[in-house]
ModelCIF file with pLDDT and N, C-alpha, C, O atoms, coordinates in Angstrom:
data_MODEL
#
_entry.id   MODEL 
#
_entity.id                         1 
_entity.type                       polymer 
_entity.pdbx_number_of_molecules   1 
#
_entity_poly.entity_id                      1 
_entity_poly.type                           'polypeptide(L)' 
_entity_poly.nstd_linkage                   no 
_entity_poly.nstd_monomer                   no 
_entity_poly.pdbx_seq_one_letter_code       YMNKDLAEYHVPVCADTPDIDVILIDKPDPIIDPMGAKGLGEI 
_entity_poly.pdbx_seq_one_letter_code_can   YMNKDLAEYHVPVCADTPDIDVILIDKPDPIIDPMGAKGLGEI 
_entity_poly.pdbx_strand_id                 A 
#
loop_
_entity_poly_seq.entity_id 
_entity_poly_seq.num 
_entity_poly_seq.mon_id 
_entity_poly_seq.hetero 
1 1  TYR n 
1 2  MET n 
1 3  ASN n 
1 4  LYS n 
1 5  ASP n 
1 6  LEU n 
1 7  ALA n 
1 8  GLU n 
1 9  TYR n 
1 10 HIS n 
1 11 VAL n 
1 12 PRO n 
1 13 VAL n 
1 14 CYS n 
1 15 ALA n 
1 16 ASP n 
1 17 THR n 
1 18 PRO n 
1 19 ASP n 
1 20 ILE n 
1 21 ASP n 
1 22 VAL n 
1 23 ILE n 
1 24 LEU n 
1 25 ILE n 
1 26 ASP n 
1 27 LYS n 
1 28 PRO n 
1 29 ASP n 
1 30 PRO n 
1 31 ILE n 
1 32 ILE n 
1 33 ASP n 
1 34 PRO n 
1 35 MET n 
1 36 GLY n 
1 37 ALA n 
1 38 LYS n 
1 39 GLY n 
1 40 LEU n 
1 41 GLY n 
1 42 GLU n 
1 43 ILE n 
#
_struct_asym.id          A 
_struct_asym.entity_id   1 
#
loop_
_ma_qa_metric.id 
_ma_qa_metric.mode 
_ma_qa_metric.name 
_ma_qa_metric.software_group_id 
_ma_qa_metric.type 
1 global pLDDT . pLDDT 
2 local  pLDDT . pLDDT 
#
_ma_qa_metric_global.metric_id      1 
_ma_qa_metric_global.metric_value   96.60 
_ma_qa_metric_global.model_id       1 
_ma_qa_metric_global.ordinal_id     1 
#
loop_
_ma_qa_metric_local.label_asym_id 
_ma_qa_metric_local.label_comp_id 
_ma_qa_metric_local.label_seq_id 
_ma_qa_metric_local.metric_id 
_ma_qa_metric_local.metric_value 
_ma_qa_metric_local.model_id 
_ma_qa_metric_local.ordinal_id 
A TYR 1  2 97.00 1 1  
A MET 2  2 97.00 1 2  
A ASN 3  2 97.00 1 3  
A LYS 4  2 95.00 1 4  
A ASP 5  2 94.00 1 5  
A LEU 6  2 93.00 1 6  
A ALA 7  2 94.00 1 7  
A GLU 8  2 96.00 1 8  
A TYR 9  2 97.00 1 9  
A HIS 10 2 96.00 1 10 
A VAL 11 2 96.00 1 11 
A PRO 12 2 96.00 1 12 
A VAL 13 2 95.00 1 13 
A CYS 14 2 95.00 1 14 
A ALA 15 2 95.00 1 15 
A ASP 16 2 96.00 1 16 
A THR 17 2 96.00 1 17 
A PRO 18 2 97.00 1 18 
A ASP 19 2 96.00 1 19 
A ILE 20 2 98.00 1 20 
A ASP 21 2 98.00 1 21 
A VAL 22 2 98.00 1 22 
A ILE 23 2 98.00 1 23 
A LEU 24 2 98.00 1 24 
A ILE 25 2 98.00 1 25 
A ASP 26 2 98.00 1 26 
A LYS 27 2 98.00 1 27 
A PRO 28 2 98.00 1 28 
A ASP 29 2 98.00 1 29 
A PRO 30 2 97.00 1 30 
A ILE 31 2 97.00 1 31 
A ILE 32 2 97.00 1 32 
A ASP 33 2 97.00 1 33 
A PRO 34 2 96.00 1 34 
A MET 35 2 97.00 1 35 
A GLY 36 2 97.00 1 36 
A ALA 37 2 98.00 1 37 
A LYS 38 2 98.00 1 38 
A GLY 39 2 96.00 1 39 
A LEU 40 2 97.00 1 40 
A GLY 41 2 94.00 1 41 
A GLU 42 2 97.00 1 42 
A ILE 43 2 98.00 1 43 
#
loop_
_atom_site.group_PDB 
_atom_site.id 
_atom_site.type_symbol 
_atom_site.label_atom_id 
_atom_site.label_alt_id 
_atom_site.label_comp_id 
_atom_site.label_asym_id 
_atom_site.label_entity_id 
_atom_site.label_seq_id 
_atom_site.pdbx_PDB_ins_code 
_atom_site.Cartn_x 
_atom_site.Cartn_y 
_atom_site.Cartn_z 
_atom_site.occupancy 
_atom_site.B_iso_or_equiv 
_atom_site.pdbx_formal_charge 
_atom_site.auth_seq_id 
_atom_site.auth_comp_id 
_atom_site.auth_asym_id 
_atom_site.auth_atom_id 
_atom_site.pdbx_PDB_model_num 
ATOM 1   N N  . TYR A 1 1  ? 27.530 8.794   -96.676 1.00 97.00 ? 1  TYR A N  1 
ATOM 2   C CA . TYR A 1 1  ? 27.865 8.807   -95.094 1.00 97.00 ? 1  TYR A CA 1 
ATOM 3   C C  . TYR A 1 1  ? 28.510 10.487  -95.423 1.00 97.00 ? 1  TYR A C  1 
ATOM 4   O O  . TYR A 1 1  ? 28.639 11.014  -96.528 1.00 97.00 ? 1  TYR A O  1 
ATOM 5   N N  . MET A 1 2  ? 28.892 11.157  -93.858 1.00 97.00 ? 2  MET A N  1 
ATOM 6   C CA . MET A 1 2  ? 29.415 12.459  -94.244 1.00 97.00 ? 2  MET A CA 1 
ATOM 7   C C  . MET A 1 2  ? 30.672 12.161  -93.198 1.00 97.00 ? 2  MET A C  1 
ATOM 8   O O  . MET A 1 2  ? 31.826 12.489  -93.474 1.00 97.00 ? 2  MET A O  1 
ATOM 9   N N  . ASN A 1 3  ? 30.437 11.739  -92.413 1.00 97.00 ? 3  ASN A N  1 
ATOM 10  C CA . ASN A 1 3  ? 31.578 11.513  -91.173 1.00 97.00 ? 3  ASN A CA 1 
ATOM 11  C C  . ASN A 1 3  ? 32.219 9.957   -91.205 1.00 97.00 ? 3  ASN A C  1 
ATOM 12  O O  . ASN A 1 3  ? 32.142 9.143   -90.284 1.00 97.00 ? 3  ASN A O  1 
ATOM 13  N N  . LYS A 1 4  ? 32.901 9.751   -92.564 1.00 95.00 ? 4  LYS A N  1 
ATOM 14  C CA . LYS A 1 4  ? 33.662 8.393   -93.067 1.00 95.00 ? 4  LYS A CA 1 
ATOM 15  C C  . LYS A 1 4  ? 34.697 8.310   -92.851 1.00 95.00 ? 4  LYS A C  1 
ATOM 16  O O  . LYS A 1 4  ? 35.438 7.678   -93.605 1.00 95.00 ? 4  LYS A O  1 
ATOM 17  N N  . ASP A 1 5  ? 35.165 8.944   -91.689 1.00 94.00 ? 5  ASP A N  1 
ATOM 18  C CA . ASP A 1 5  ? 36.343 8.604   -91.587 1.00 94.00 ? 5  ASP A CA 1 
ATOM 19  C C  . ASP A 1 5  ? 36.677 8.973   -89.519 1.00 94.00 ? 5  ASP A C  1 
ATOM 20  O O  . ASP A 1 5  ? 35.947 9.483   -88.669 1.00 94.00 ? 5  ASP A O  1 
ATOM 21  N N  . LEU A 1 6  ? 37.963 8.456   -89.454 1.00 93.00 ? 6  LEU A N  1 
ATOM 22  C CA . LEU A 1 6  ? 38.106 8.897   -87.682 1.00 93.00 ? 6  LEU A CA 1 
ATOM 23  C C  . LEU A 1 6  ? 38.700 9.921   -86.997 1.00 93.00 ? 6  LEU A C  1 
ATOM 24  O O  . LEU A 1 6  ? 39.339 9.802   -85.951 1.00 93.00 ? 6  LEU A O  1 
ATOM 25  N N  . ALA A 1 7  ? 38.364 11.451  -87.916 1.00 94.00 ? 7  ALA A N  1 
ATOM 26  C CA . ALA A 1 7  ? 38.442 12.491  -87.626 1.00 94.00 ? 7  ALA A CA 1 
ATOM 27  C C  . ALA A 1 7  ? 36.998 12.691  -87.134 1.00 94.00 ? 7  ALA A C  1 
ATOM 28  O O  . ALA A 1 7  ? 36.602 12.982  -86.006 1.00 94.00 ? 7  ALA A O  1 
ATOM 29  N N  . GLU A 1 8  ? 36.396 12.489  -88.134 1.00 96.00 ? 8  GLU A N  1 
ATOM 30  C CA . GLU A 1 8  ? 34.381 12.777  -87.498 1.00 96.00 ? 8  GLU A CA 1 
ATOM 31  C C  . GLU A 1 8  ? 33.561 11.569  -87.491 1.00 96.00 ? 8  GLU A C  1 
ATOM 32  O O  . GLU A 1 8  ? 32.379 11.795  -87.749 1.00 96.00 ? 8  GLU A O  1 
ATOM 33  N N  . TYR A 1 9  ? 33.905 10.170  -87.234 1.00 97.00 ? 9  TYR A N  1 
ATOM 34  C CA . TYR A 1 9  ? 33.304 9.738   -86.984 1.00 97.00 ? 9  TYR A CA 1 
ATOM 35  C C  . TYR A 1 9  ? 34.026 9.137   -85.263 1.00 97.00 ? 9  TYR A C  1 
ATOM 36  O O  . TYR A 1 9  ? 35.051 8.474   -85.102 1.00 97.00 ? 9  TYR A O  1 
ATOM 37  N N  . HIS A 1 10 ? 33.106 9.635   -84.238 1.00 96.00 ? 10 HIS A N  1 
ATOM 38  C CA . HIS A 1 10 ? 33.827 9.652   -83.006 1.00 96.00 ? 10 HIS A CA 1 
ATOM 39  C C  . HIS A 1 10 ? 33.789 8.133   -82.545 1.00 96.00 ? 10 HIS A C  1 
ATOM 40  O O  . HIS A 1 10 ? 32.904 7.282   -82.630 1.00 96.00 ? 10 HIS A O  1 
ATOM 41  N N  . VAL A 1 11 ? 35.087 8.106   -82.022 1.00 96.00 ? 11 VAL A N  1 
ATOM 42  C CA . VAL A 1 11 ? 35.128 6.817   -80.910 1.00 96.00 ? 11 VAL A CA 1 
ATOM 43  C C  . VAL A 1 11 ? 35.862 7.178   -79.614 1.00 96.00 ? 11 VAL A C  1 
ATOM 44  O O  . VAL A 1 11 ? 36.481 8.239   -79.697 1.00 96.00 ? 11 VAL A O  1 
ATOM 45  N N  . PRO A 1 12 ? 35.937 6.553   -78.454 1.00 96.00 ? 12 PRO A N  1 
ATOM 46  C CA . PRO A 1 12 ? 36.406 6.978   -77.403 1.00 96.00 ? 12 PRO A CA 1 
ATOM 47  C C  . PRO A 1 12 ? 38.146 6.573   -77.359 1.00 96.00 ? 12 PRO A C  1 
ATOM 48  O O  . PRO A 1 12 ? 38.915 5.685   -77.728 1.00 96.00 ? 12 PRO A O  1 
ATOM 49  N N  . VAL A 1 13 ? 38.143 7.550   -76.823 1.00 95.00 ? 13 VAL A N  1 
ATOM 50  C CA . VAL A 1 13 ? 39.637 7.450   -76.501 1.00 95.00 ? 13 VAL A CA 1 
ATOM 51  C C  . VAL A 1 13 ? 40.734 7.319   -75.325 1.00 95.00 ? 13 VAL A C  1 
ATOM 52  O O  . VAL A 1 13 ? 40.213 7.190   -74.218 1.00 95.00 ? 13 VAL A O  1 
ATOM 53  N N  . CYS A 1 14 ? 41.815 7.323   -75.330 1.00 95.00 ? 14 CYS A N  1 
ATOM 54  C CA . CYS A 1 14 ? 42.193 6.879   -73.701 1.00 95.00 ? 14 CYS A CA 1 
ATOM 55  C C  . CYS A 1 14 ? 41.322 8.166   -72.567 1.00 95.00 ? 14 CYS A C  1 
ATOM 56  O O  . CYS A 1 14 ? 40.616 7.900   -71.594 1.00 95.00 ? 14 CYS A O  1 
ATOM 57  N N  . ALA A 1 15 ? 41.681 9.568   -73.114 1.00 95.00 ? 15 ALA A N  1 
ATOM 58  C CA . ALA A 1 15 ? 41.125 10.115  -72.436 1.00 95.00 ? 15 ALA A CA 1 
ATOM 59  C C  . ALA A 1 15 ? 39.649 10.170  -71.998 1.00 95.00 ? 15 ALA A C  1 
ATOM 60  O O  . ALA A 1 15 ? 39.250 10.855  -71.056 1.00 95.00 ? 15 ALA A O  1 
ATOM 61  N N  . ASP A 1 16 ? 38.980 9.488   -72.668 1.00 96.00 ? 16 ASP A N  1 
ATOM 62  C CA . ASP A 1 16 ? 37.616 9.198   -72.235 1.00 96.00 ? 16 ASP A CA 1 
ATOM 63  C C  . ASP A 1 16 ? 37.102 7.827   -71.662 1.00 96.00 ? 16 ASP A C  1 
ATOM 64  O O  . ASP A 1 16 ? 35.980 7.326   -71.586 1.00 96.00 ? 16 ASP A O  1 
ATOM 65  N N  . THR A 1 17 ? 38.721 7.297   -71.181 1.00 96.00 ? 17 THR A N  1 
ATOM 66  C CA . THR A 1 17 ? 38.111 5.985   -70.399 1.00 96.00 ? 17 THR A CA 1 
ATOM 67  C C  . THR A 1 17 ? 38.311 6.109   -69.034 1.00 96.00 ? 17 THR A C  1 
ATOM 68  O O  . THR A 1 17 ? 39.290 6.511   -68.405 1.00 96.00 ? 17 THR A O  1 
ATOM 69  N N  . PRO A 1 18 ? 37.267 5.716   -68.688 1.00 97.00 ? 18 PRO A N  1 
ATOM 70  C CA . PRO A 1 18 ? 37.015 5.850   -66.884 1.00 97.00 ? 18 PRO A CA 1 
ATOM 71  C C  . PRO A 1 18 ? 37.647 5.077   -66.174 1.00 97.00 ? 18 PRO A C  1 
ATOM 72  O O  . PRO A 1 18 ? 38.541 4.446   -66.738 1.00 97.00 ? 18 PRO A O  1 
ATOM 73  N N  . ASP A 1 19 ? 37.431 4.855   -64.774 1.00 96.00 ? 19 ASP A N  1 
ATOM 74  C CA . ASP A 1 19 ? 37.833 3.639   -64.186 1.00 96.00 ? 19 ASP A CA 1 
ATOM 75  C C  . ASP A 1 19 ? 37.200 2.405   -64.386 1.00 96.00 ? 19 ASP A C  1 
ATOM 76  O O  . ASP A 1 19 ? 35.983 2.449   -64.204 1.00 96.00 ? 19 ASP A O  1 
ATOM 77  N N  . ILE A 1 20 ? 37.680 1.274   -64.719 1.00 98.00 ? 20 ILE A N  1 
ATOM 78  C CA . ILE A 1 20 ? 36.917 0.465   -64.865 1.00 98.00 ? 20 ILE A CA 1 
ATOM 79  C C  . ILE A 1 20 ? 36.999 -1.003  -64.037 1.00 98.00 ? 20 ILE A C  1 
ATOM 80  O O  . ILE A 1 20 ? 37.889 -1.807  -64.315 1.00 98.00 ? 20 ILE A O  1 
ATOM 81  N N  . ASP A 1 21 ? 36.241 -1.213  -63.251 1.00 98.00 ? 21 ASP A N  1 
ATOM 82  C CA . ASP A 1 21 ? 36.315 -2.096  -62.171 1.00 98.00 ? 21 ASP A CA 1 
ATOM 83  C C  . ASP A 1 21 ? 35.436 -3.620  -62.858 1.00 98.00 ? 21 ASP A C  1 
ATOM 84  O O  . ASP A 1 21 ? 34.216 -3.785  -62.870 1.00 98.00 ? 21 ASP A O  1 
ATOM 85  N N  . VAL A 1 22 ? 36.497 -4.584  -63.383 1.00 98.00 ? 22 VAL A N  1 
ATOM 86  C CA . VAL A 1 22 ? 35.899 -5.562  -63.867 1.00 98.00 ? 22 VAL A CA 1 
ATOM 87  C C  . VAL A 1 22 ? 35.816 -6.804  -62.513 1.00 98.00 ? 22 VAL A C  1 
ATOM 88  O O  . VAL A 1 22 ? 36.727 -7.248  -61.813 1.00 98.00 ? 22 VAL A O  1 
ATOM 89  N N  . ILE A 1 23 ? 34.353 -7.106  -62.515 1.00 98.00 ? 23 ILE A N  1 
ATOM 90  C CA . ILE A 1 23 ? 34.329 -8.644  -61.570 1.00 98.00 ? 23 ILE A CA 1 
ATOM 91  C C  . ILE A 1 23 ? 33.592 -10.016 -62.627 1.00 98.00 ? 23 ILE A C  1 
ATOM 92  O O  . ILE A 1 23 ? 32.675 -10.077 -63.446 1.00 98.00 ? 23 ILE A O  1 
ATOM 93  N N  . LEU A 1 24 ? 34.444 -10.838 -62.130 1.00 98.00 ? 24 LEU A N  1 
ATOM 94  C CA . LEU A 1 24 ? 34.144 -12.270 -62.923 1.00 98.00 ? 24 LEU A CA 1 
ATOM 95  C C  . LEU A 1 24 ? 33.630 -13.208 -62.010 1.00 98.00 ? 24 LEU A C  1 
ATOM 96  O O  . LEU A 1 24 ? 34.434 -13.310 -61.084 1.00 98.00 ? 24 LEU A O  1 
ATOM 97  N N  . ILE A 1 25 ? 32.827 -13.809 -61.879 1.00 98.00 ? 25 ILE A N  1 
ATOM 98  C CA . ILE A 1 25 ? 32.107 -14.475 -61.092 1.00 98.00 ? 25 ILE A CA 1 
ATOM 99  C C  . ILE A 1 25 ? 32.771 -15.922 -61.040 1.00 98.00 ? 25 ILE A C  1 
ATOM 100 O O  . ILE A 1 25 ? 32.563 -16.652 -60.072 1.00 98.00 ? 25 ILE A O  1 
ATOM 101 N N  . ASP A 1 26 ? 33.522 -16.292 -62.038 1.00 98.00 ? 26 ASP A N  1 
ATOM 102 C CA . ASP A 1 26 ? 34.100 -17.385 -61.920 1.00 98.00 ? 26 ASP A CA 1 
ATOM 103 C C  . ASP A 1 26 ? 33.582 -18.744 -61.813 1.00 98.00 ? 26 ASP A C  1 
ATOM 104 O O  . ASP A 1 26 ? 34.376 -19.680 -61.906 1.00 98.00 ? 26 ASP A O  1 
ATOM 105 N N  . LYS A 1 27 ? 32.580 -18.916 -61.664 1.00 98.00 ? 27 LYS A N  1 
ATOM 106 C CA . LYS A 1 27 ? 31.866 -19.885 -61.302 1.00 98.00 ? 27 LYS A CA 1 
ATOM 107 C C  . LYS A 1 27 ? 31.602 -21.116 -62.944 1.00 98.00 ? 27 LYS A C  1 
ATOM 108 O O  . LYS A 1 27 ? 31.052 -20.629 -63.933 1.00 98.00 ? 27 LYS A O  1 
ATOM 109 N N  . PRO A 1 28 ? 31.998 -22.382 -62.962 1.00 98.00 ? 28 PRO A N  1 
ATOM 110 C CA . PRO A 1 28 ? 31.953 -22.885 -64.055 1.00 98.00 ? 28 PRO A CA 1 
ATOM 111 C C  . PRO A 1 28 ? 30.518 -23.292 -64.201 1.00 98.00 ? 28 PRO A C  1 
ATOM 112 O O  . PRO A 1 28 ? 29.618 -23.331 -63.362 1.00 98.00 ? 28 PRO A O  1 
ATOM 113 N N  . ASP A 1 29 ? 30.536 -23.667 -65.831 1.00 98.00 ? 29 ASP A N  1 
ATOM 114 C CA . ASP A 1 29 ? 28.769 -24.056 -66.006 1.00 98.00 ? 29 ASP A CA 1 
ATOM 115 C C  . ASP A 1 29 ? 29.261 -25.506 -66.232 1.00 98.00 ? 29 ASP A C  1 
ATOM 116 O O  . ASP A 1 29 ? 30.240 -25.909 -66.860 1.00 98.00 ? 29 ASP A O  1 
ATOM 117 N N  . PRO A 1 30 ? 28.189 -26.261 -65.460 1.00 97.00 ? 30 PRO A N  1 
ATOM 118 C CA . PRO A 1 30 ? 28.030 -27.709 -65.772 1.00 97.00 ? 30 PRO A CA 1 
ATOM 119 C C  . PRO A 1 30 ? 28.151 -28.450 -66.947 1.00 97.00 ? 30 PRO A C  1 
ATOM 120 O O  . PRO A 1 30 ? 28.771 -29.501 -67.105 1.00 97.00 ? 30 PRO A O  1 
ATOM 121 N N  . ILE A 1 31 ? 27.356 -27.662 -67.942 1.00 97.00 ? 31 ILE A N  1 
ATOM 122 C CA . ILE A 1 31 ? 26.726 -28.198 -68.874 1.00 97.00 ? 31 ILE A CA 1 
ATOM 123 C C  . ILE A 1 31 ? 27.134 -27.991 -70.351 1.00 97.00 ? 31 ILE A C  1 
ATOM 124 O O  . ILE A 1 31 ? 26.946 -28.934 -71.120 1.00 97.00 ? 31 ILE A O  1 
ATOM 125 N N  . ILE A 1 32 ? 27.622 -26.960 -70.772 1.00 97.00 ? 32 ILE A N  1 
ATOM 126 C CA . ILE A 1 32 ? 27.786 -26.562 -72.097 1.00 97.00 ? 32 ILE A CA 1 
ATOM 127 C C  . ILE A 1 32 ? 28.987 -26.817 -72.781 1.00 97.00 ? 32 ILE A C  1 
ATOM 128 O O  . ILE A 1 32 ? 29.015 -26.925 -74.007 1.00 97.00 ? 32 ILE A O  1 
ATOM 129 N N  . ASP A 1 33 ? 30.356 -26.960 -71.797 1.00 97.00 ? 33 ASP A N  1 
ATOM 130 C CA . ASP A 1 33 ? 31.608 -27.544 -72.389 1.00 97.00 ? 33 ASP A CA 1 
ATOM 131 C C  . ASP A 1 33 ? 32.411 -28.376 -71.312 1.00 97.00 ? 33 ASP A C  1 
ATOM 132 O O  . ASP A 1 33 ? 32.132 -28.449 -70.115 1.00 97.00 ? 33 ASP A O  1 
ATOM 133 N N  . PRO A 1 34 ? 33.264 -28.875 -71.843 1.00 96.00 ? 34 PRO A N  1 
ATOM 134 C CA . PRO A 1 34 ? 34.529 -29.912 -70.612 1.00 96.00 ? 34 PRO A CA 1 
ATOM 135 C C  . PRO A 1 34 ? 35.171 -28.417 -69.582 1.00 96.00 ? 34 PRO A C  1 
ATOM 136 O O  . PRO A 1 34 ? 35.757 -28.515 -68.504 1.00 96.00 ? 34 PRO A O  1 
ATOM 137 N N  . MET A 1 35 ? 34.892 -27.350 -70.190 1.00 97.00 ? 35 MET A N  1 
ATOM 138 C CA . MET A 1 35 ? 36.131 -26.750 -69.629 1.00 97.00 ? 35 MET A CA 1 
ATOM 139 C C  . MET A 1 35 ? 35.285 -25.937 -68.556 1.00 97.00 ? 35 MET A C  1 
ATOM 140 O O  . MET A 1 35 ? 35.943 -25.410 -67.658 1.00 97.00 ? 35 MET A O  1 
ATOM 141 N N  . GLY A 1 36 ? 33.927 -25.773 -68.543 1.00 97.00 ? 36 GLY A N  1 
ATOM 142 C CA . GLY A 1 36 ? 32.898 -25.186 -67.527 1.00 97.00 ? 36 GLY A CA 1 
ATOM 143 C C  . GLY A 1 36 ? 32.767 -23.394 -68.316 1.00 97.00 ? 36 GLY A C  1 
ATOM 144 O O  . GLY A 1 36 ? 32.180 -22.403 -67.882 1.00 97.00 ? 36 GLY A O  1 
ATOM 145 N N  . ALA A 1 37 ? 33.381 -23.535 -69.275 1.00 98.00 ? 37 ALA A N  1 
ATOM 146 C CA . ALA A 1 37 ? 33.129 -21.487 -69.568 1.00 98.00 ? 37 ALA A CA 1 
ATOM 147 C C  . ALA A 1 37 ? 31.686 -21.708 -70.611 1.00 98.00 ? 37 ALA A C  1 
ATOM 148 O O  . ALA A 1 37 ? 30.996 -22.533 -71.211 1.00 98.00 ? 37 ALA A O  1 
ATOM 149 N N  . LYS A 1 38 ? 31.862 -20.342 -70.296 1.00 98.00 ? 38 LYS A N  1 
ATOM 150 C CA . LYS A 1 38 ? 30.475 -19.481 -71.149 1.00 98.00 ? 38 LYS A CA 1 
ATOM 151 C C  . LYS A 1 38 ? 30.950 -18.845 -72.069 1.00 98.00 ? 38 LYS A C  1 
ATOM 152 O O  . LYS A 1 38 ? 32.174 -18.800 -72.198 1.00 98.00 ? 38 LYS A O  1 
ATOM 153 N N  . GLY A 1 39 ? 30.133 -18.212 -72.915 1.00 96.00 ? 39 GLY A N  1 
ATOM 154 C CA . GLY A 1 39 ? 30.646 -16.988 -73.590 1.00 96.00 ? 39 GLY A CA 1 
ATOM 155 C C  . GLY A 1 39 ? 30.928 -15.901 -73.104 1.00 96.00 ? 39 GLY A C  1 
ATOM 156 O O  . GLY A 1 39 ? 30.213 -15.625 -72.141 1.00 96.00 ? 39 GLY A O  1 
ATOM 157 N N  . LEU A 1 40 ? 31.996 -14.831 -73.470 1.00 97.00 ? 40 LEU A N  1 
ATOM 158 C CA . LEU A 1 40 ? 32.271 -13.922 -72.802 1.00 97.00 ? 40 LEU A CA 1 
ATOM 159 C C  . LEU A 1 40 ? 32.699 -12.730 -73.944 1.00 97.00 ? 40 LEU A C  1 
ATOM 160 O O  . LEU A 1 40 ? 32.643 -11.672 -73.318 1.00 97.00 ? 40 LEU A O  1 
ATOM 161 N N  . GLY A 1 41 ? 33.031 -12.498 -75.098 1.00 94.00 ? 41 GLY A N  1 
ATOM 162 C CA . GLY A 1 41 ? 33.438 -11.692 -76.146 1.00 94.00 ? 41 GLY A CA 1 
ATOM 163 C C  . GLY A 1 41 ? 32.500 -10.701 -75.914 1.00 94.00 ? 41 GLY A C  1 
ATOM 164 O O  . GLY A 1 41 ? 33.028 -9.589  -75.891 1.00 94.00 ? 41 GLY A O  1 
ATOM 165 N N  . GLU A 1 42 ? 30.899 -10.688 -75.672 1.00 97.00 ? 42 GLU A N  1 
ATOM 166 C CA . GLU A 1 42 ? 29.959 -9.885  -75.648 1.00 97.00 ? 42 GLU A CA 1 
ATOM 167 C C  . GLU A 1 42 ? 29.373 -9.164  -74.480 1.00 97.00 ? 42 GLU A C  1 
ATOM 168 O O  . GLU A 1 42 ? 29.352 -7.967  -74.194 1.00 97.00 ? 42 GLU A O  1 
ATOM 169 N N  . ILE A 1 43 ? 28.984 -10.039 -73.989 1.00 98.00 ? 43 ILE A N  1 
ATOM 170 C CA . ILE A 1 43 ? 28.251 -10.016 -72.879 1.00 98.00 ? 43 ILE A CA 1 
ATOM 171 C C  . ILE A 1 43 ? 28.620 -8.510  -72.295 1.00 98.00 ? 43 ILE A C  1 
ATOM 172 O O  . ILE A 1 43 ? 28.115 -8.114  -71.245 1.00 98.00 ? 43 ILE A O  1 
#
């Protein structure tokens, strides 16, 4: 790898972050688990 540090491997910083509006539908799933939750971390 030629860009094996955080100076050359570019990731977003605060200046790159746009206005992000998150809408959570928040309706229980009646099947998967007793709390009504579903997976969130990756979707």
